[in-house]
Amino acid sequence: MPDFVSWSFNKPSKKKNSINIHNYLAKLNMVGKPQTQSGGESVRLSFVNCHPLVEACNKEVIYICPFNGPIKGRVYITNYRLYLRSLETDSALILDVPLGVISRIEKMGGATSRGENSYGLDITCKDLRNLRFALKQEGHSRRDMFEILTRYAFPLAHSLGLPNHHWRITFINKCYKLCDTYPALLVVPYRASDEDLRKVATFRSRNRIPVLSWIHPENKTVIVRCSQPLVGMGGKRNKEDERYLDVIRETNRQVNKLTIYDARPNVNAVANKATGGGYESDDVYHNAELFFLDIHNIHVMRESLKKVKDIVYPNVEESHWLSSLESTHWLEHIKLVLTGAIQVADRVSSGKSSVVVHCSDGWDRTAQLTSLAMLMLDSFYRSIEGFEILVQKEWISFGHKFASRIGHGDKNHADADRSPIFLQFIDCVWQMSKQFPTAFEFNERFLITILDHLYSCRFGTFLYNCESAREKQKVTERTVSLWSLINSNKDKFKNPFYTKEINRVLYPVASMRHLELWVNYYIRWNPRIKQQVLSRN
């Protein structure tokens, strides 16, 4: 039984954390085949959560077998299955139930139950079985077993705190027909029907409607992401879209305004009207206020990185280093991205208003801003596991075009779609880790490893442009996940100075005086610099 942990369990503490809406989805889509260090069973199913194996209380149970009557046994539970082995020598019964088979879990009996085997759990299965377990009333054994089974058999209902009065999970995109670059499951306002979503999609670029990314655990303000509205030169309106944003605002009755952060420079957003795009006008969206963050497009970022390469490879420009670095504008772009994310995080943390973030199509600058803001707001994402989920959620599931931006397998090196957007995000994370050296569980090697395998194509994690393409190509079946490599040797990637602080919000200083070129990444191929790095390590 290599993947089983006995029903001897120190119950995991419930972390006071945000409702990480798509954490579940991200865990399910850790692209590739999870691998275990022990060589034990490794299972990846569409509705199996990918937490570490779960231990439970050291209790025996009685299985009420419909054929042979009560049988004493010992239960083993993991995040994949329930396994029972009889303790009676004359009855070698084994019960093996994948948690995905479970349809319903009910408690039987109460505190006053006195009948034999009348207190326990009834489990209804989808494969026509009914399972009944009797447990002792003392020691909370039934409560513990019920909670563990519920958590892992029904992860959608348990871990997200959904549905609630304000937000719901919709399956409208389960076949990627609403939006082929969004994940299959989306979280939307409870009061918005699926028909409303279809109407809103017609007014958003690439049908990328506003959907939930993060909820503040206390003040309930939210971060919502989407693409630009299709206003065009004629100033088109869509009443469903206007109402939809108002419904998002109304999910938190304590705020009067919805803040919209458009990542683009104002002039670019205006220019996009000529191609059918645009932005939310205050004249139309009465309960919203719009801010432009002045982050430039993919073409500007591509040219900026080319200039960085020119001054660091093959030789470092020593004589005019500072002026040469300044002329690349790379750190200036890093500053603007960080500044935008800080504004998003501050608006949400202060409870001033909920936030909608978009750029043009919502898969480049939008991902930078939402993921960095969440990294500042939520300490969970500063752990190794949390950061993997953040990347999986905000970048991979929500359709950052990795294949186009990196150019996997494409010989056209001058393709205008190529751009170092994800590299820029990782650089911003590195800048934050320099300013807060104890706040991140992972080290610099972790970040560089991610970037190296962004290009290596050794893993399926960053292949293709969106979730629907990965599903079509069966990436999860045919490739291995980068996270498997990292998680099999976590110590290598851990920051020895890490101090876990649950409720700490990070506000990095986004000024040129506090930003620096990431030498260990950009100049690592220079033999002299490499030797200096090795000697320091």
Protein backbone atom coordinates (compact mmCIF):
# COMPACT_ATOMS: atom_id res chain seq x y z
CA MET A 1 0.00 0.00 0.00
CA PRO A 2 2.60 2.56 -0.99
CA ASP A 3 0.26 5.53 -1.24
CA PHE A 4 -1.77 4.90 1.90
CA VAL A 5 -1.41 6.62 5.22
CA SER A 6 -3.02 4.99 8.18
CA TRP A 7 -6.00 6.53 9.90
CA SER A 8 -3.51 7.93 12.40
CA PHE A 9 -3.61 11.54 11.90
CA ASN A 10 -2.66 14.91 13.27
CA LYS A 11 -5.49 16.97 11.88
CA PRO A 12 -4.14 19.80 9.70
CA SER A 13 -4.68 23.26 11.12
CA LYS A 14 -7.01 25.51 9.21
CA LYS A 15 -4.99 28.44 7.94
CA LYS A 16 -6.56 31.86 8.13
CA ASN A 17 -6.13 32.67 4.52
CA SER A 18 -7.91 34.09 1.56
CA ILE A 19 -10.45 32.20 -0.47
CA ASN A 20 -8.02 31.09 -3.15
CA ILE A 21 -10.68 30.68 -5.77
CA HIS A 22 -8.77 28.88 -8.47
CA ASN A 23 -6.26 27.09 -6.20
CA TYR A 24 -8.30 23.96 -6.66
CA LEU A 25 -8.34 24.34 -10.43
CA ALA A 26 -4.65 25.09 -10.48
CA LYS A 27 -3.81 22.03 -8.42
CA LEU A 28 -5.79 19.88 -10.81
CA ASN A 29 -3.89 21.30 -13.73
CA MET A 30 -0.31 21.04 -12.46
CA VAL A 31 0.51 20.17 -16.03
CA GLY A 32 2.06 16.73 -16.35
CA LYS A 33 2.21 13.58 -14.31
CA PRO A 34 2.89 14.01 -10.60
CA GLN A 35 5.74 11.82 -9.41
CA THR A 36 6.38 10.42 -5.94
CA GLN A 37 9.79 10.17 -4.36
CA SER A 38 9.07 6.73 -2.98
CA GLY A 39 8.01 5.25 -6.29
CA GLY A 40 4.53 4.72 -4.92
CA GLU A 41 1.26 5.24 -6.68
CA SER A 42 0.92 8.56 -8.47
CA VAL A 43 -2.58 9.44 -9.59
CA ARG A 44 -3.88 12.41 -11.55
CA LEU A 45 -7.59 12.57 -12.19
CA SER A 46 -9.73 15.50 -13.22
CA PHE A 47 -11.34 15.86 -9.83
CA VAL A 48 -8.57 14.74 -7.50
CA ASN A 49 -6.95 17.39 -5.36
CA CYS A 50 -3.16 17.32 -5.39
CA HIS A 51 -2.41 17.92 -1.72
CA PRO A 52 0.25 15.83 0.04
CA LEU A 53 -1.05 12.53 1.43
CA VAL A 54 -3.39 12.95 4.37
CA GLU A 55 -3.11 11.28 7.75
CA ALA A 56 -6.05 10.84 10.12
CA CYS A 57 -6.86 9.73 13.73
CA ASN A 58 -5.70 6.39 15.03
CA LYS A 59 -9.11 4.71 15.25
CA GLU A 60 -10.53 1.37 14.33
CA VAL A 61 -13.86 1.18 12.54
CA ILE A 62 -16.54 -1.41 12.03
CA TYR A 63 -17.62 -1.91 8.44
CA ILE A 64 -21.28 -2.97 8.25
CA CYS A 65 -20.96 -5.39 5.36
CA PRO A 66 -24.33 -6.06 3.67
CA PHE A 67 -23.26 -9.66 3.00
CA ASN A 68 -21.30 -10.76 6.07
CA GLY A 69 -22.43 -8.35 8.79
CA PRO A 70 -20.16 -6.20 11.01
CA ILE A 71 -16.43 -6.57 10.36
CA LYS A 72 -13.72 -4.88 12.41
CA GLY A 73 -11.20 -3.10 10.24
CA ARG A 74 -8.71 -0.33 9.91
CA VAL A 75 -9.28 2.57 7.53
CA TYR A 76 -6.58 4.26 5.48
CA ILE A 77 -7.34 7.50 3.66
CA THR A 78 -5.33 9.54 1.17
CA ASN A 79 -6.33 12.38 -1.07
CA TYR A 80 -7.19 9.76 -3.69
CA ARG A 81 -8.84 6.81 -2.01
CA LEU A 82 -10.47 5.20 1.03
CA TYR A 83 -8.98 1.80 1.85
CA LEU A 84 -10.19 -0.62 4.52
CA ARG A 85 -8.49 -3.83 5.61
CA SER A 86 -10.22 -6.19 8.02
CA LEU A 87 -8.52 -6.98 11.34
CA GLU A 88 -10.26 -10.34 11.67
CA THR A 89 -8.14 -13.32 10.66
CA ASP A 90 -11.10 -15.34 9.42
CA SER A 91 -12.36 -12.58 7.14
CA ALA A 92 -9.66 -11.15 4.86
CA LEU A 93 -11.81 -8.31 3.55
CA ILE A 94 -10.29 -5.44 1.58
CA LEU A 95 -12.33 -2.41 0.53
CA ASP A 96 -10.81 -0.03 -2.03
CA VAL A 97 -12.81 3.09 -2.93
CA PRO A 98 -11.42 5.99 -5.01
CA LEU A 99 -12.81 9.20 -3.50
CA GLY A 100 -14.16 10.25 -6.89
CA VAL A 101 -16.65 7.36 -6.60
CA ILE A 102 -18.30 8.93 -3.54
CA SER A 103 -21.61 10.67 -4.21
CA ARG A 104 -22.81 11.49 -0.70
CA ILE A 105 -21.54 11.28 2.88
CA GLU A 106 -24.04 11.32 5.75
CA LYS A 107 -23.70 11.00 9.50
CA MET A 108 -25.85 8.32 11.13
CA GLY A 109 -26.90 8.39 14.75
CA GLY A 110 -26.35 11.08 17.34
CA ALA A 111 -25.09 11.65 20.85
CA THR A 112 -28.03 9.71 22.30
CA SER A 113 -27.68 6.69 19.99
CA ARG A 114 -27.41 3.52 22.02
CA GLY A 115 -27.97 0.74 19.51
CA GLU A 116 -25.04 -1.41 18.46
CA ASN A 117 -23.20 0.07 15.49
CA SER A 118 -25.78 2.87 15.22
CA TYR A 119 -23.27 5.74 15.25
CA GLY A 120 -21.07 6.38 12.26
CA LEU A 121 -21.09 7.28 8.57
CA ASP A 122 -23.18 6.28 5.58
CA ILE A 123 -21.45 6.66 2.22
CA THR A 124 -23.39 6.47 -1.04
CA CYS A 125 -21.28 5.65 -4.09
CA LYS A 126 -21.78 6.38 -7.78
CA ASP A 127 -20.95 2.76 -8.69
CA LEU A 128 -24.10 1.42 -6.95
CA ARG A 129 -22.42 0.60 -3.61
CA ASN A 130 -23.52 1.82 -0.18
CA LEU A 131 -20.89 1.75 2.58
CA ARG A 132 -21.64 2.02 6.29
CA PHE A 133 -19.00 2.51 8.96
CA ALA A 134 -19.69 2.39 12.69
CA LEU A 135 -17.39 4.39 14.96
CA LYS A 136 -17.05 5.04 18.67
CA GLN A 137 -18.69 8.21 19.93
CA GLU A 138 -15.72 9.40 21.95
CA GLY A 139 -12.65 11.05 20.47
CA HIS A 140 -14.36 12.87 17.56
CA SER A 141 -13.46 9.99 15.24
CA ARG A 142 -16.64 10.40 13.16
CA ARG A 143 -16.21 14.16 12.85
CA ASP A 144 -12.59 13.79 11.75
CA MET A 145 -13.37 11.10 9.19
CA PHE A 146 -16.34 13.06 7.86
CA GLU A 147 -14.31 16.26 7.45
CA ILE A 148 -11.38 14.54 5.75
CA LEU A 149 -13.59 12.63 3.32
CA THR A 150 -15.64 15.73 2.53
CA ARG A 151 -12.54 17.81 1.94
CA TYR A 152 -11.02 15.42 -0.59
CA ALA A 153 -14.09 13.80 -2.14
CA PHE A 154 -15.72 17.19 -2.81
CA PRO A 155 -12.88 19.70 -3.16
CA LEU A 156 -14.99 22.15 -5.16
CA ALA A 157 -17.50 22.53 -2.36
CA HIS A 158 -15.05 22.47 0.52
CA SER A 159 -11.90 24.38 -0.23
CA LEU A 160 -13.34 27.37 -2.05
CA GLY A 161 -16.10 28.37 0.33
CA LEU A 162 -18.36 28.33 -2.70
CA PRO A 163 -21.06 28.78 -3.67
CA ASN A 164 -21.99 31.56 -1.28
CA HIS A 165 -24.37 34.50 -1.42
CA HIS A 166 -22.08 36.50 -3.69
CA TRP A 167 -20.05 34.13 -5.89
CA ARG A 168 -20.65 30.87 -7.68
CA ILE A 169 -18.76 28.39 -9.84
CA THR A 170 -20.04 28.17 -13.39
CA PHE A 171 -19.49 25.33 -15.85
CA ILE A 172 -20.46 27.48 -18.83
CA ASN A 173 -16.94 27.14 -20.24
CA LYS A 174 -16.47 23.43 -19.55
CA CYS A 175 -15.99 22.70 -23.27
CA TYR A 176 -14.19 26.03 -23.84
CA LYS A 177 -17.06 27.25 -26.00
CA LEU A 178 -17.59 30.58 -24.24
CA CYS A 179 -13.88 31.46 -24.24
CA ASP A 180 -11.25 29.11 -25.63
CA THR A 181 -8.41 30.80 -23.71
CA TYR A 182 -10.03 30.66 -20.25
CA PRO A 183 -10.07 27.68 -17.86
CA ALA A 184 -13.02 25.30 -17.92
CA LEU A 185 -14.37 26.39 -14.54
CA LEU A 186 -14.90 30.05 -13.69
CA VAL A 187 -16.06 31.95 -10.62
CA VAL A 188 -18.58 34.70 -11.28
CA PRO A 189 -21.10 36.81 -9.33
CA TYR A 190 -23.95 34.74 -7.94
CA ARG A 191 -26.52 37.14 -9.39
CA ALA A 192 -25.17 36.83 -12.94
CA SER A 193 -26.83 34.05 -14.93
CA ASP A 194 -25.03 32.05 -17.59
CA GLU A 195 -27.09 33.89 -20.19
CA ASP A 196 -25.80 37.19 -18.78
CA LEU A 197 -22.26 35.86 -19.14
CA ARG A 198 -22.81 35.04 -22.81
CA LYS A 199 -24.00 38.59 -23.49
CA VAL A 200 -21.06 40.10 -21.61
CA ALA A 201 -18.64 37.88 -23.56
CA THR A 202 -19.72 39.46 -26.84
CA PHE A 203 -18.48 42.82 -25.54
CA ARG A 204 -15.10 41.70 -24.20
CA SER A 205 -12.01 41.07 -26.35
CA ARG A 206 -11.56 37.33 -27.05
CA ASN A 207 -14.69 36.72 -24.92
CA ARG A 208 -12.55 37.07 -21.79
CA ILE A 209 -15.24 38.17 -19.36
CA PRO A 210 -14.53 39.57 -15.88
CA VAL A 211 -14.02 36.61 -13.51
CA LEU A 212 -12.87 36.27 -9.92
CA SER A 213 -9.22 35.72 -9.01
CA TRP A 214 -8.97 36.54 -5.29
CA ILE A 215 -11.12 37.56 -2.32
CA HIS A 216 -9.74 39.39 0.69
CA PRO A 217 -10.43 37.14 3.71
CA GLU A 218 -11.63 39.97 5.96
CA ASN A 219 -12.96 42.96 4.05
CA LYS A 220 -14.23 40.79 1.14
CA THR A 221 -12.96 43.10 -1.60
CA VAL A 222 -11.97 41.19 -4.72
CA ILE A 223 -9.53 41.10 -7.61
CA VAL A 224 -11.28 40.42 -10.91
CA ARG A 225 -9.52 40.00 -14.26
CA CYS A 226 -10.72 40.32 -17.86
CA SER A 227 -9.91 41.87 -21.26
CA GLN A 228 -10.75 45.28 -22.71
CA PRO A 229 -14.33 46.19 -23.67
CA LEU A 230 -15.10 46.39 -27.39
CA VAL A 231 -16.11 50.04 -27.41
CA GLY A 232 -14.62 51.01 -30.78
CA MET A 233 -14.55 54.45 -32.37
CA GLY A 234 -18.33 54.73 -32.23
CA GLY A 235 -18.44 54.37 -28.45
CA LYS A 236 -20.56 51.23 -28.44
CA ARG A 237 -22.29 50.23 -25.21
CA ASN A 238 -23.38 46.93 -23.74
CA LYS A 239 -25.90 47.25 -20.93
CA GLU A 240 -25.25 43.69 -19.77
CA ASP A 241 -21.55 44.48 -19.37
CA GLU A 242 -22.32 47.70 -17.49
CA ARG A 243 -24.72 45.90 -15.19
CA TYR A 244 -22.30 43.00 -14.74
CA LEU A 245 -19.54 45.28 -13.42
CA ASP A 246 -22.07 46.86 -11.09
CA VAL A 247 -23.03 43.42 -9.80
CA ILE A 248 -19.34 42.78 -9.07
CA ARG A 249 -19.23 46.04 -7.10
CA GLU A 250 -22.35 45.04 -5.18
CA THR A 251 -20.81 41.78 -3.96
CA ASN A 252 -19.31 44.00 -1.26
CA ARG A 253 -21.93 46.38 0.12
CA GLN A 254 -19.31 48.37 2.04
CA VAL A 255 -17.83 49.98 -1.09
CA ASN A 256 -19.46 52.56 -3.34
CA LYS A 257 -17.06 52.43 -6.28
CA LEU A 258 -15.43 49.75 -8.39
CA THR A 259 -11.83 50.52 -9.34
CA ILE A 260 -10.74 49.54 -12.86
CA TYR A 261 -7.01 49.38 -13.52
CA ASP A 262 -6.17 49.45 -17.22
CA ALA A 263 -2.54 48.34 -17.51
CA ARG A 264 -1.95 50.27 -20.74
CA PRO A 265 -0.80 53.83 -21.25
CA ASN A 266 -3.79 56.10 -21.84
CA VAL A 267 -2.73 56.90 -25.40
CA ASN A 268 -2.51 53.19 -26.28
CA ALA A 269 -5.96 52.50 -24.88
CA VAL A 270 -7.39 55.34 -26.96
CA ALA A 271 -5.58 54.05 -30.05
CA ASN A 272 -7.09 50.60 -29.49
CA LYS A 273 -10.51 52.10 -30.18
CA ALA A 274 -9.50 52.25 -33.84
CA THR A 275 -9.25 48.45 -33.90
CA GLY A 276 -12.52 47.92 -32.03
CA GLY A 277 -11.17 47.92 -28.48
CA GLY A 278 -11.17 50.62 -25.84
CA TYR A 279 -11.81 51.20 -22.16
CA GLU A 280 -14.61 51.80 -19.65
CA SER A 281 -15.71 55.44 -19.79
CA ASP A 282 -16.78 57.13 -16.54
CA ASP A 283 -19.78 58.50 -18.43
CA VAL A 284 -21.09 54.99 -18.99
CA TYR A 285 -19.81 53.02 -16.01
CA HIS A 286 -21.18 55.39 -13.37
CA ASN A 287 -20.10 53.46 -10.28
CA ALA A 288 -16.55 52.80 -11.46
CA GLU A 289 -13.35 54.82 -11.57
CA LEU A 290 -10.67 54.12 -14.16
CA PHE A 291 -6.88 54.41 -13.81
CA PHE A 292 -4.24 53.80 -16.48
CA LEU A 293 -0.98 52.23 -15.28
CA ASP A 294 1.26 53.16 -18.24
CA ILE A 295 2.80 49.71 -18.73
CA HIS A 296 4.01 49.33 -22.30
CA ASN A 297 3.12 46.54 -24.72
CA ILE A 298 4.89 43.31 -25.65
CA HIS A 299 6.89 44.92 -28.46
CA VAL A 300 8.45 47.54 -26.19
CA MET A 301 9.39 44.85 -23.66
CA ARG A 302 10.96 42.67 -26.34
CA GLU A 303 13.17 45.52 -27.56
CA SER A 304 14.12 46.43 -24.01
CA LEU A 305 15.37 42.91 -23.28
CA LYS A 306 17.37 42.91 -26.52
CA LYS A 307 19.17 46.00 -25.26
CA VAL A 308 19.90 44.28 -21.96
CA LYS A 309 21.45 41.38 -23.84
CA ASP A 310 23.62 43.79 -25.84
CA ILE A 311 25.24 45.19 -22.69
CA VAL A 312 25.77 41.88 -20.84
CA TYR A 313 26.71 39.35 -23.53
CA PRO A 314 29.28 38.33 -24.53
CA ASN A 315 31.05 41.10 -22.61
CA VAL A 316 29.72 43.32 -19.88
CA GLU A 317 29.73 47.00 -20.81
CA GLU A 318 32.03 48.24 -18.03
CA SER A 319 33.00 51.76 -19.11
CA HIS A 320 29.49 53.22 -19.20
CA TRP A 321 27.58 50.60 -17.25
CA LEU A 322 25.00 52.80 -15.52
CA SER A 323 24.13 54.85 -18.58
CA SER A 324 24.04 51.71 -20.75
CA LEU A 325 21.69 49.99 -18.30
CA GLU A 326 19.50 53.07 -18.11
CA SER A 327 19.25 53.18 -21.90
CA THR A 328 17.67 49.70 -21.93
CA HIS A 329 14.71 50.99 -19.84
CA TRP A 330 14.42 47.45 -18.40
CA LEU A 331 14.38 48.52 -14.76
CA GLU A 332 12.01 51.34 -15.64
CA HIS A 333 9.56 48.76 -16.98
CA ILE A 334 10.04 46.62 -13.86
CA LYS A 335 9.27 49.69 -11.78
CA LEU A 336 6.02 50.38 -13.66
CA VAL A 337 4.81 46.79 -13.31
CA LEU A 338 5.58 46.75 -9.58
CA THR A 339 3.97 50.17 -9.10
CA GLY A 340 0.79 48.97 -10.77
CA ALA A 341 0.65 45.81 -8.65
CA ILE A 342 1.19 47.87 -5.49
CA GLN A 343 -1.78 50.06 -6.40
CA VAL A 344 -3.97 46.99 -6.89
CA ALA A 345 -2.83 45.43 -3.61
CA ASP A 346 -3.24 48.64 -1.63
CA ARG A 347 -6.74 49.30 -2.94
CA VAL A 348 -7.86 45.79 -1.98
CA SER A 349 -6.00 45.56 1.34
CA SER A 350 -7.37 48.90 2.52
CA GLY A 351 -10.91 47.81 1.69
CA LYS A 352 -11.46 50.97 -0.36
CA SER A 353 -12.94 49.09 -3.29
CA SER A 354 -12.91 45.92 -5.32
CA VAL A 355 -10.64 45.92 -8.35
CA VAL A 356 -10.97 44.93 -12.01
CA VAL A 357 -7.69 44.52 -13.92
CA HIS A 358 -7.26 44.31 -17.67
CA CYS A 359 -4.96 45.27 -20.52
CA SER A 360 -5.88 44.54 -24.14
CA ASP A 361 -6.55 40.80 -24.21
CA GLY A 362 -5.96 40.13 -20.53
CA TRP A 363 -3.23 37.51 -20.78
CA ASP A 364 0.03 39.52 -20.47
CA ARG A 365 0.12 42.64 -18.30
CA THR A 366 -3.07 41.55 -16.56
CA ALA A 367 -1.40 38.33 -15.38
CA GLN A 368 1.62 40.31 -14.17
CA LEU A 369 -0.53 42.66 -12.10
CA THR A 370 -2.94 40.15 -10.58
CA SER A 371 -0.26 37.62 -9.65
CA LEU A 372 2.10 40.21 -8.16
CA ALA A 373 -0.73 41.84 -6.21
CA MET A 374 -1.75 38.45 -4.83
CA LEU A 375 1.87 37.74 -3.92
CA MET A 376 1.92 40.98 -1.92
CA LEU A 377 -1.44 40.35 -0.26
CA ASP A 378 -1.38 36.63 0.47
CA SER A 379 1.48 34.91 2.28
CA PHE A 380 0.32 31.53 0.99
CA TYR A 381 1.57 32.42 -2.47
CA ARG A 382 5.00 33.16 -1.01
CA SER A 383 5.45 29.48 -0.15
CA ILE A 384 6.82 27.03 -2.71
CA GLU A 385 3.48 25.28 -3.12
CA GLY A 386 1.60 28.57 -3.20
CA PHE A 387 3.83 30.09 -5.86
CA GLU A 388 3.43 27.02 -8.07
CA ILE A 389 -0.34 27.40 -7.73
CA LEU A 390 -0.13 31.12 -8.45
CA VAL A 391 1.73 30.50 -11.72
CA GLN A 392 -0.60 27.63 -12.59
CA LYS A 393 -3.66 29.74 -11.90
CA GLU A 394 -2.95 33.26 -13.11
CA TRP A 395 -0.64 32.37 -16.00
CA ILE A 396 -1.22 28.83 -17.24
CA SER A 397 -4.94 28.32 -16.59
CA PHE A 398 -5.87 31.85 -17.65
CA GLY A 399 -4.15 31.57 -21.00
CA HIS A 400 -0.88 33.44 -21.05
CA LYS A 401 0.38 32.60 -24.54
CA PHE A 402 3.56 30.77 -23.56
CA ALA A 403 4.00 29.12 -26.96
CA SER A 404 3.69 32.44 -28.79
CA ARG A 405 5.63 34.56 -26.31
CA ILE A 406 8.53 32.08 -26.03
CA GLY A 407 8.37 30.66 -29.57
CA HIS A 408 8.47 26.97 -28.65
CA GLY A 409 9.53 24.98 -31.72
CA ASP A 410 9.18 27.98 -34.03
CA LYS A 411 12.18 28.99 -36.17
CA ASN A 412 10.81 32.48 -36.81
CA HIS A 413 13.00 34.31 -34.30
CA ALA A 414 11.64 37.68 -35.44
CA ASP A 415 8.01 36.76 -34.69
CA ALA A 416 6.29 39.88 -33.34
CA ASP A 417 4.37 37.77 -30.80
CA ARG A 418 7.51 36.93 -28.84
CA SER A 419 7.99 38.89 -25.63
CA PRO A 420 9.59 38.34 -22.19
CA ILE A 421 6.40 38.99 -20.21
CA PHE A 422 6.77 36.00 -17.87
CA LEU A 423 10.49 36.70 -17.38
CA GLN A 424 9.55 40.22 -16.37
CA PHE A 425 7.13 38.84 -13.78
CA ILE A 426 9.79 36.55 -12.31
CA ASP A 427 12.23 39.48 -12.24
CA CYS A 428 9.65 41.45 -10.23
CA VAL A 429 9.37 38.54 -7.80
CA TRP A 430 13.16 38.49 -7.44
CA GLN A 431 13.15 42.25 -6.73
CA MET A 432 10.58 41.66 -3.97
CA SER A 433 12.62 38.80 -2.50
CA LYS A 434 15.64 41.12 -2.28
CA GLN A 435 13.63 43.70 -0.36
CA PHE A 436 11.95 41.10 1.89
CA PRO A 437 14.62 38.39 2.36
CA THR A 438 12.66 36.44 5.01
CA ALA A 439 9.20 36.60 3.42
CA PHE A 440 9.59 33.96 0.70
CA GLU A 441 9.99 30.22 1.26
CA PHE A 442 11.79 29.80 -2.06
CA ASN A 443 15.24 30.96 -3.06
CA GLU A 444 16.83 32.41 -6.18
CA ARG A 445 17.60 28.96 -7.58
CA PHE A 446 13.87 28.22 -7.57
CA LEU A 447 13.15 31.25 -9.77
CA ILE A 448 16.03 30.54 -12.15
CA THR A 449 14.97 26.88 -12.46
CA ILE A 450 11.48 27.99 -13.49
CA LEU A 451 12.93 30.31 -16.13
CA ASP A 452 15.35 27.68 -17.44
CA HIS A 453 12.51 25.22 -17.97
CA LEU A 454 10.31 27.92 -19.45
CA TYR A 455 12.54 27.44 -22.50
CA SER A 456 13.75 23.83 -22.14
CA CYS A 457 10.49 22.08 -23.21
CA ARG A 458 11.54 19.25 -20.90
CA PHE A 459 8.23 19.54 -19.04
CA GLY A 460 4.68 20.12 -20.21
CA THR A 461 4.02 22.95 -17.79
CA PHE A 462 4.66 25.83 -20.20
CA LEU A 463 3.72 24.18 -23.48
CA TYR A 464 0.95 25.63 -25.70
CA ASN A 465 -0.99 28.85 -25.28
CA CYS A 466 -4.00 27.86 -23.20
CA GLU A 467 -5.73 25.15 -21.23
CA SER A 468 -7.96 24.04 -24.11
CA ALA A 469 -4.91 23.44 -26.33
CA ARG A 470 -3.25 21.41 -23.57
CA GLU A 471 -6.39 19.34 -23.15
CA LYS A 472 -6.57 18.70 -26.88
CA GLN A 473 -2.91 17.62 -27.01
CA LYS A 474 -3.28 15.53 -23.80
CA VAL A 475 -0.33 17.31 -22.22
CA THR A 476 -1.19 16.06 -18.73
CA GLU A 477 -1.00 12.45 -19.92
CA ARG A 478 2.01 12.72 -22.23
CA THR A 479 4.34 14.97 -20.24
CA VAL A 480 5.73 15.48 -16.76
CA SER A 481 5.18 18.61 -14.67
CA LEU A 482 8.01 20.96 -13.70
CA TRP A 483 6.48 21.07 -10.23
CA SER A 484 7.18 17.33 -9.88
CA LEU A 485 10.89 18.01 -10.29
CA ILE A 486 10.85 20.86 -7.78
CA ASN A 487 8.65 19.12 -5.22
CA SER A 488 10.78 15.97 -5.27
CA ASN A 489 13.73 17.95 -3.92
CA LYS A 490 12.29 20.96 -2.14
CA ASP A 491 15.25 21.51 0.17
CA LYS A 492 17.32 22.62 -2.81
CA PHE A 493 14.88 25.44 -3.46
CA LYS A 494 14.22 26.62 0.11
CA ASN A 495 15.23 29.96 1.55
CA PRO A 496 17.01 29.27 4.89
CA PHE A 497 15.94 32.68 6.22
CA TYR A 498 12.23 32.19 5.56
CA THR A 499 9.90 33.24 8.37
CA LYS A 500 6.24 32.44 7.89
CA GLU A 501 4.00 35.43 8.62
CA ILE A 502 0.37 34.71 7.83
CA ASN A 503 -1.20 38.17 7.67
CA ARG A 504 1.71 40.28 6.47
CA VAL A 505 1.11 42.41 3.38
CA LEU A 506 4.26 43.28 1.44
CA TYR A 507 4.67 46.69 -0.14
CA PRO A 508 7.96 46.76 -2.05
CA VAL A 509 9.59 50.09 -2.81
CA ALA A 510 9.21 50.58 -6.55
CA SER A 511 11.80 53.28 -7.11
CA MET A 512 14.86 53.17 -9.31
CA ARG A 513 17.09 53.52 -6.24
CA HIS A 514 15.80 50.22 -4.86
CA LEU A 515 15.78 48.19 -8.08
CA GLU A 516 18.80 46.44 -9.55
CA LEU A 517 19.71 44.24 -12.49
CA TRP A 518 19.43 40.56 -11.62
CA VAL A 519 23.10 39.75 -12.18
CA ASN A 520 22.90 36.06 -11.26
CA TYR A 521 20.42 35.55 -14.07
CA TYR A 522 21.25 38.03 -16.83
CA ILE A 523 25.04 37.90 -16.56
CA ARG A 524 25.53 34.30 -15.41
CA TRP A 525 27.08 33.21 -18.72
CA ASN A 526 30.02 35.55 -18.33
CA PRO A 527 32.89 33.37 -16.96
CA ARG A 528 34.24 36.09 -14.70
CA ILE A 529 30.87 36.92 -13.19
CA LYS A 530 30.05 33.23 -12.88
CA GLN A 531 33.25 32.63 -10.92
CA GLN A 532 32.41 35.49 -8.56
CA VAL A 533 28.95 34.02 -7.95
CA LEU A 534 30.40 30.56 -7.30
CA SER A 535 32.95 31.95 -4.84
CA ARG A 536 30.21 33.79 -2.94
CA ASN A 537 28.13 30.63 -2.74
